[in-house]
Amino acid sequence: MLNERMIGLGSAPNAIRSLFAYGIKRKAEIGEDKVFDYSIGNPSVPAPQQVTECIKRLMDEDPVALHS
């Protein structure tokens, strides 16, 4: 049995769906290479060098010391 409230929430218009549709429309208008998708799992561009260096530094830390 499906929850009717959740069905309603899933089928109602919302800001996230509107922005997603707008992004698709803009890609068609101005080109996919000029529209950046910052949703979950994106963008498909490398992180800035400072971010990469910080992540590498944190990975070398002792996990117990890092999280305590």
PDB file of N, CA and C in Angstrom:
ATOM      1  N   MET A   1       0.838  -1.183   0.000  1.00  0.00           N
ATOM      2  CA  MET A   1       0.000   0.000   0.000  1.00  0.00           C
ATOM      3  C   MET A   1       0.882   1.246   0.000  1.00  0.00           C
ATOM      4  N   LEU A   2       0.559   2.170  -0.830  1.00  0.00           N
ATOM      5  CA  LEU A   2       1.335   3.400  -0.932  1.00  0.00           C
ATOM      6  C   LEU A   2       0.709   4.497  -0.087  1.00  0.00           C
ATOM      7  N   ASN A   3       1.560   5.305   0.518  1.00  0.00           N
ATOM      8  CA  ASN A   3       1.107   6.425   1.331  1.00  0.00           C
ATOM      9  C   ASN A   3       0.628   7.552   0.411  1.00  0.00           C
ATOM     10  N   GLU A   4      -0.620   7.911   0.544  1.00  0.00           N
ATOM     11  CA  GLU A   4      -1.216   8.926  -0.340  1.00  0.00           C
ATOM     12  C   GLU A   4      -0.533  10.282  -0.199  1.00  0.00           C
ATOM     13  N   ARG A   5      -0.136  10.613   1.007  1.00  0.00           N
ATOM     14  CA  ARG A   5       0.555  11.900   1.215  1.00  0.00           C
ATOM     15  C   ARG A   5       1.872  11.944   0.440  1.00  0.00           C
ATOM     16  N   MET A   6       2.613  10.846   0.486  1.00  0.00           N
ATOM     17  CA  MET A   6       3.892  10.788  -0.223  1.00  0.00           C
ATOM     18  C   MET A   6       3.677  10.813  -1.736  1.00  0.00           C
ATOM     19  N   ILE A   7       2.636  10.176  -2.207  1.00  0.00           N
ATOM     20  CA  ILE A   7       2.317  10.225  -3.641  1.00  0.00           C
ATOM     21  C   ILE A   7       2.031  11.665  -4.046  1.00  0.00           C
ATOM     22  N   GLY A   8       1.255  12.372  -3.211  1.00  0.00           N
ATOM     23  CA  GLY A   8       0.954  13.774  -3.487  1.00  0.00           C
ATOM     24  C   GLY A   8       2.196  14.642  -3.500  1.00  0.00           C
ATOM     25  N   LEU A   9       3.082  14.431  -2.523  1.00  0.00           N
ATOM     26  CA  LEU A   9       4.318  15.206  -2.475  1.00  0.00           C
ATOM     27  C   LEU A   9       5.216  14.911  -3.677  1.00  0.00           C
ATOM     28  N   GLY A  10       5.231  13.657  -4.100  1.00  0.00           N
ATOM     29  CA  GLY A  10       6.078  13.275  -5.223  1.00  0.00           C
ATOM     30  C   GLY A  10       5.572  13.740  -6.577  1.00  0.00           C
ATOM     31  N   SER A  11       4.303  14.022  -6.668  1.00  0.00           N
ATOM     32  CA  SER A  11       3.751  14.428  -7.963  1.00  0.00           C
ATOM     33  C   SER A  11       3.455  15.928  -8.048  1.00  0.00           C
ATOM     34  N   ALA A  12       3.548  16.625  -6.932  1.00  0.00           N
ATOM     35  CA  ALA A  12       3.285  18.074  -6.929  1.00  0.00           C
ATOM     36  C   ALA A  12       4.496  18.847  -7.453  1.00  0.00           C
ATOM     37  N   PRO A  13       4.265  19.952  -8.148  1.00  0.00           N
ATOM     38  CA  PRO A  13       5.386  20.780  -8.606  1.00  0.00           C
ATOM     39  C   PRO A  13       6.196  21.306  -7.414  1.00  0.00           C
ATOM     40  N   ASN A  14       7.501  21.443  -7.608  1.00  0.00           N
ATOM     41  CA  ASN A  14       8.330  22.036  -6.562  1.00  0.00           C
ATOM     42  C   ASN A  14       9.527  22.741  -7.183  1.00  0.00           C
ATOM     43  N   ALA A  15      10.253  23.482  -6.371  1.00  0.00           N
ATOM     44  CA  ALA A  15      11.362  24.304  -6.852  1.00  0.00           C
ATOM     45  C   ALA A  15      12.473  23.464  -7.475  1.00  0.00           C
ATOM     46  N   ILE A  16      12.772  22.319  -6.885  1.00  0.00           N
ATOM     47  CA  ILE A  16      13.865  21.491  -7.405  1.00  0.00           C
ATOM     48  C   ILE A  16      13.541  20.998  -8.807  1.00  0.00           C
ATOM     49  N   ARG A  17      12.334  20.501  -8.998  1.00  0.00           N
ATOM     50  CA  ARG A  17      11.941  20.027 -10.326  1.00  0.00           C
ATOM     51  C   ARG A  17      11.915  21.177 -11.333  1.00  0.00           C
ATOM     52  N   SER A  18      11.454  22.343 -10.888  1.00  0.00           N
ATOM     53  CA  SER A  18      11.407  23.514 -11.778  1.00  0.00           C
ATOM     54  C   SER A  18      12.807  23.914 -12.221  1.00  0.00           C
ATOM     55  N   LEU A  19      13.758  23.926 -11.282  1.00  0.00           N
ATOM     56  CA  LEU A  19      15.131  24.285 -11.630  1.00  0.00           C
ATOM     57  C   LEU A  19      15.759  23.246 -12.554  1.00  0.00           C
ATOM     58  N   PHE A  20      15.471  21.975 -12.315  1.00  0.00           N
ATOM     59  CA  PHE A  20      15.992  20.922 -13.173  1.00  0.00           C
ATOM     60  C   PHE A  20      15.484  21.101 -14.604  1.00  0.00           C
ATOM     61  N   ALA A  21      14.180  21.353 -14.739  1.00  0.00           N
ATOM     62  CA  ALA A  21      13.589  21.564 -16.065  1.00  0.00           C
ATOM     63  C   ALA A  21      14.186  22.804 -16.734  1.00  0.00           C
ATOM     64  N   TYR A  22      14.414  23.848 -15.947  1.00  0.00           N
ATOM     65  CA  TYR A  22      15.016  25.066 -16.488  1.00  0.00           C
ATOM     66  C   TYR A  22      16.428  24.780 -17.004  1.00  0.00           C
ATOM     67  N   GLY A  23      17.191  23.983 -16.262  1.00  0.00           N
ATOM     68  CA  GLY A  23      18.542  23.627 -16.693  1.00  0.00           C
ATOM     69  C   GLY A  23      18.538  22.878 -18.016  1.00  0.00           C
ATOM     70  N   ILE A  24      17.620  21.945 -18.172  1.00  0.00           N
ATOM     71  CA  ILE A  24      17.509  21.205 -19.434  1.00  0.00           C
ATOM     72  C   ILE A  24      17.171  22.159 -20.580  1.00  0.00           C
ATOM     73  N   LYS A  25      16.250  23.070 -20.316  1.00  0.00           N
ATOM     74  CA  LYS A  25      15.858  24.049 -21.342  1.00  0.00           C
ATOM     75  C   LYS A  25      17.040  24.942 -21.736  1.00  0.00           C
ATOM     76  N   ARG A  26      17.790  25.409 -20.736  1.00  0.00           N
ATOM     77  CA  ARG A  26      18.934  26.288 -21.025  1.00  0.00           C
ATOM     78  C   ARG A  26      20.031  25.546 -21.795  1.00  0.00           C
ATOM     79  N   LYS A  27      20.249  24.280 -21.478  1.00  0.00           N
ATOM     80  CA  LYS A  27      21.239  23.493 -22.214  1.00  0.00           C
ATOM     81  C   LYS A  27      20.877  23.442 -23.692  1.00  0.00           C
ATOM     82  N   ALA A  28      19.595  23.283 -23.974  1.00  0.00           N
ATOM     83  CA  ALA A  28      19.143  23.238 -25.372  1.00  0.00           C
ATOM     84  C   ALA A  28      19.296  24.600 -26.039  1.00  0.00           C
ATOM     85  N   GLU A  29      19.129  25.671 -25.271  1.00  0.00           N
ATOM     86  CA  GLU A  29      19.187  27.019 -25.828  1.00  0.00           C
ATOM     87  C   GLU A  29      20.620  27.514 -26.072  1.00  0.00           C
ATOM     88  N   ILE A  30      21.488  27.306 -25.068  1.00  0.00           N
ATOM     89  CA  ILE A  30      22.827  27.926 -25.159  1.00  0.00           C
ATOM     90  C   ILE A  30      23.971  26.917 -25.223  1.00  0.00           C
ATOM     91  N   GLY A  31      23.666  25.633 -25.100  1.00  0.00           N
ATOM     92  CA  GLY A  31      24.701  24.608 -25.183  1.00  0.00           C
ATOM     93  C   GLY A  31      25.010  23.991 -23.831  1.00  0.00           C
ATOM     94  N   GLU A  32      25.170  22.692 -23.847  1.00  0.00           N
ATOM     95  CA  GLU A  32      25.416  21.941 -22.617  1.00  0.00           C
ATOM     96  C   GLU A  32      26.698  22.365 -21.905  1.00  0.00           C
ATOM     97  N   ASP A  33      27.698  22.796 -22.679  1.00  0.00           N
ATOM     98  CA  ASP A  33      28.975  23.190 -22.084  1.00  0.00           C
ATOM     99  C   ASP A  33      28.898  24.521 -21.336  1.00  0.00           C
ATOM    100  N   LYS A  34      27.791  25.236 -21.448  1.00  0.00           N
ATOM    101  CA  LYS A  34      27.650  26.535 -20.786  1.00  0.00           C
ATOM    102  C   LYS A  34      26.708  26.499 -19.586  1.00  0.00           C
ATOM    103  N   VAL A  35      26.183  25.308 -19.257  1.00  0.00           N
ATOM    104  CA  VAL A  35      25.268  25.158 -18.126  1.00  0.00           C
ATOM    105  C   VAL A  35      25.889  24.152 -17.165  1.00  0.00           C
ATOM    106  N   PHE A  36      26.050  24.552 -15.904  1.00  0.00           N
ATOM    107  CA  PHE A  36      26.675  23.694 -14.896  1.00  0.00           C
ATOM    108  C   PHE A  36      25.618  23.102 -13.984  1.00  0.00           C
ATOM    109  N   ASP A  37      25.688  21.805 -13.776  1.00  0.00           N
ATOM    110  CA  ASP A  37      24.749  21.073 -12.937  1.00  0.00           C
ATOM    111  C   ASP A  37      25.401  20.834 -11.582  1.00  0.00           C
ATOM    112  N   TYR A  38      24.912  21.521 -10.549  1.00  0.00           N
ATOM    113  CA  TYR A  38      25.455  21.381  -9.205  1.00  0.00           C
ATOM    114  C   TYR A  38      24.570  20.518  -8.311  1.00  0.00           C
ATOM    115  N   SER A  39      23.772  19.654  -8.911  1.00  0.00           N
ATOM    116  CA  SER A  39      22.941  18.759  -8.116  1.00  0.00           C
ATOM    117  C   SER A  39      23.812  17.630  -7.557  1.00  0.00           C
ATOM    118  N   ILE A  40      23.196  16.746  -6.817  1.00  0.00           N
ATOM    119  CA  ILE A  40      23.930  15.652  -6.176  1.00  0.00           C
ATOM    120  C   ILE A  40      24.699  14.849  -7.222  1.00  0.00           C
ATOM    121  N   GLY A  41      25.974  14.627  -6.943  1.00  0.00           N
ATOM    122  CA  GLY A  41      26.815  13.863  -7.854  1.00  0.00           C
ATOM    123  C   GLY A  41      27.475  14.702  -8.932  1.00  0.00           C
ATOM    124  N   ASN A  42      27.221  15.955  -8.938  1.00  0.00           N
ATOM    125  CA  ASN A  42      27.770  16.852  -9.948  1.00  0.00           C
ATOM    126  C   ASN A  42      28.483  18.001  -9.253  1.00  0.00           C
ATOM    127  N   PRO A  43      29.240  18.783  -9.851  1.00  0.00           N
ATOM    128  CA  PRO A  43      29.485  18.910 -11.272  1.00  0.00           C
ATOM    129  C   PRO A  43      30.523  17.894 -11.740  1.00  0.00           C
ATOM    130  N   SER A  44      30.635  17.759 -13.019  1.00  0.00           N
ATOM    131  CA  SER A  44      31.602  16.824 -13.585  1.00  0.00           C
ATOM    132  C   SER A  44      32.874  17.566 -13.984  1.00  0.00           C
ATOM    133  N   VAL A  45      33.334  18.397 -13.071  1.00  0.00           N
ATOM    134  CA  VAL A  45      34.589  19.121 -13.255  1.00  0.00           C
ATOM    135  C   VAL A  45      35.465  18.852 -12.034  1.00  0.00           C
ATOM    136  N   PRO A  46      36.765  18.938 -12.189  1.00  0.00           N
ATOM    137  CA  PRO A  46      37.641  18.667 -11.047  1.00  0.00           C
ATOM    138  C   PRO A  46      37.437  19.683  -9.923  1.00  0.00           C
ATOM    139  N   ALA A  47      37.661  19.207  -8.694  1.00  0.00           N
ATOM    140  CA  ALA A  47      37.613  20.109  -7.544  1.00  0.00           C
ATOM    141  C   ALA A  47      38.815  21.047  -7.607  1.00  0.00           C
ATOM    142  N   PRO A  48      38.721  22.229  -7.003  1.00  0.00           N
ATOM    143  CA  PRO A  48      39.884  23.120  -6.953  1.00  0.00           C
ATOM    144  C   PRO A  48      41.061  22.433  -6.260  1.00  0.00           C
ATOM    145  N   GLN A  49      42.259  22.798  -6.641  1.00  0.00           N
ATOM    146  CA  GLN A  49      43.471  22.177  -6.106  1.00  0.00           C
ATOM    147  C   GLN A  49      43.509  22.227  -4.573  1.00  0.00           C
ATOM    148  N   GLN A  50      43.073  23.340  -3.980  1.00  0.00           N
ATOM    149  CA  GLN A  50      43.084  23.470  -2.515  1.00  0.00           C
ATOM    150  C   GLN A  50      42.184  22.420  -1.867  1.00  0.00           C
ATOM    151  N   VAL A  51      41.049  22.120  -2.485  1.00  0.00           N
ATOM    152  CA  VAL A  51      40.133  21.117  -1.945  1.00  0.00           C
ATOM    153  C   VAL A  51      40.788  19.731  -2.024  1.00  0.00           C
ATOM    154  N   THR A  52      41.386  19.430  -3.153  1.00  0.00           N
ATOM    155  CA  THR A  52      42.059  18.137  -3.318  1.00  0.00           C
ATOM    156  C   THR A  52      43.173  17.968  -2.299  1.00  0.00           C
ATOM    157  N   GLU A  53      43.977  19.006  -2.103  1.00  0.00           N
ATOM    158  CA  GLU A  53      45.073  18.940  -1.133  1.00  0.00           C
ATOM    159  C   GLU A  53      44.556  18.740   0.284  1.00  0.00           C
ATOM    160  N   CYS A  54      43.488  19.429   0.641  1.00  0.00           N
ATOM    161  CA  CYS A  54      42.910  19.301   1.981  1.00  0.00           C
ATOM    162  C   CYS A  54      42.376  17.889   2.204  1.00  0.00           C
ATOM    163  N   ILE A  55      41.689  17.340   1.226  1.00  0.00           N
ATOM    164  CA  ILE A  55      41.150  15.984   1.359  1.00  0.00           C
ATOM    165  C   ILE A  55      42.292  14.986   1.533  1.00  0.00           C
ATOM    166  N   LYS A  56      43.355  15.137   0.745  1.00  0.00           N
ATOM    167  CA  LYS A  56      44.504  14.229   0.869  1.00  0.00           C
ATOM    168  C   LYS A  56      45.132  14.344   2.253  1.00  0.00           C
ATOM    169  N   ARG A  57      45.246  15.583   2.760  1.00  0.00           N
ATOM    170  CA  ARG A  57      45.826  15.793   4.087  1.00  0.00           C
ATOM    171  C   ARG A  57      44.951  15.132   5.155  1.00  0.00           C
ATOM    172  N   LEU A  58      43.652  15.290   5.054  1.00  0.00           N
ATOM    173  CA  LEU A  58      42.747  14.693   6.032  1.00  0.00           C
ATOM    174  C   LEU A  58      42.773  13.168   5.969  1.00  0.00           C
ATOM    175  N   MET A  59      42.961  12.602   4.774  1.00  0.00           N
ATOM    176  CA  MET A  59      43.023  11.149   4.640  1.00  0.00           C
ATOM    177  C   MET A  59      44.261  10.573   5.325  1.00  0.00           C
ATOM    178  N   ASP A  60      45.319  11.377   5.450  1.00  0.00           N
ATOM    179  CA  ASP A  60      46.539  10.920   6.110  1.00  0.00           C
ATOM    180  C   ASP A  60      46.464  11.039   7.635  1.00  0.00           C
ATOM    181  N   GLU A  61      45.440  11.721   8.148  1.00  0.00           N
ATOM    182  CA  GLU A  61      45.278  11.884   9.594  1.00  0.00           C
ATOM    183  C   GLU A  61      44.828  10.583  10.234  1.00  0.00           C
ATOM    184  N   ASP A  62      45.164  10.426  11.499  1.00  0.00           N
ATOM    185  CA  ASP A  62      44.676   9.286  12.277  1.00  0.00           C
ATOM    186  C   ASP A  62      43.172   9.466  12.462  1.00  0.00           C
ATOM    187  N   PRO A  63      42.335   8.503  12.023  1.00  0.00           N
ATOM    188  CA  PRO A  63      40.880   8.680  12.102  1.00  0.00           C
ATOM    189  C   PRO A  63      40.381   8.918  13.529  1.00  0.00           C
ATOM    190  N   VAL A  64      41.027   8.284  14.510  1.00  0.00           N
ATOM    191  CA  VAL A  64      40.599   8.465  15.891  1.00  0.00           C
ATOM    192  C   VAL A  64      40.885   9.899  16.333  1.00  0.00           C
ATOM    193  N   ALA A  65      42.034  10.417  15.999  1.00  0.00           N
ATOM    194  CA  ALA A  65      42.378  11.789  16.374  1.00  0.00           C
ATOM    195  C   ALA A  65      41.536  12.792  15.598  1.00  0.00           C
ATOM    196  N   LEU A  66      41.254  12.483  14.368  1.00  0.00           N
ATOM    197  CA  LEU A  66      40.497  13.394  13.517  1.00  0.00           C
ATOM    198  C   LEU A  66      39.062  13.557  13.996  1.00  0.00           C
ATOM    199  N   HIS A  67      38.443  12.486  14.454  1.00  0.00           N
ATOM    200  CA  HIS A  67      37.027  12.520  14.826  1.00  0.00           C
ATOM    201  C   HIS A  67      36.776  12.575  16.325  1.00  0.00           C
ATOM    202  N   SER A  68      37.815  12.800  17.107  1.00  0.00           N
ATOM    203  CA  SER A  68      37.581  12.831  18.560  1.00  0.00           C
ATOM    204  C   SER A  68      37.764  14.211  19.126  1.00  0.00           C
TER     205      SER A  68
END
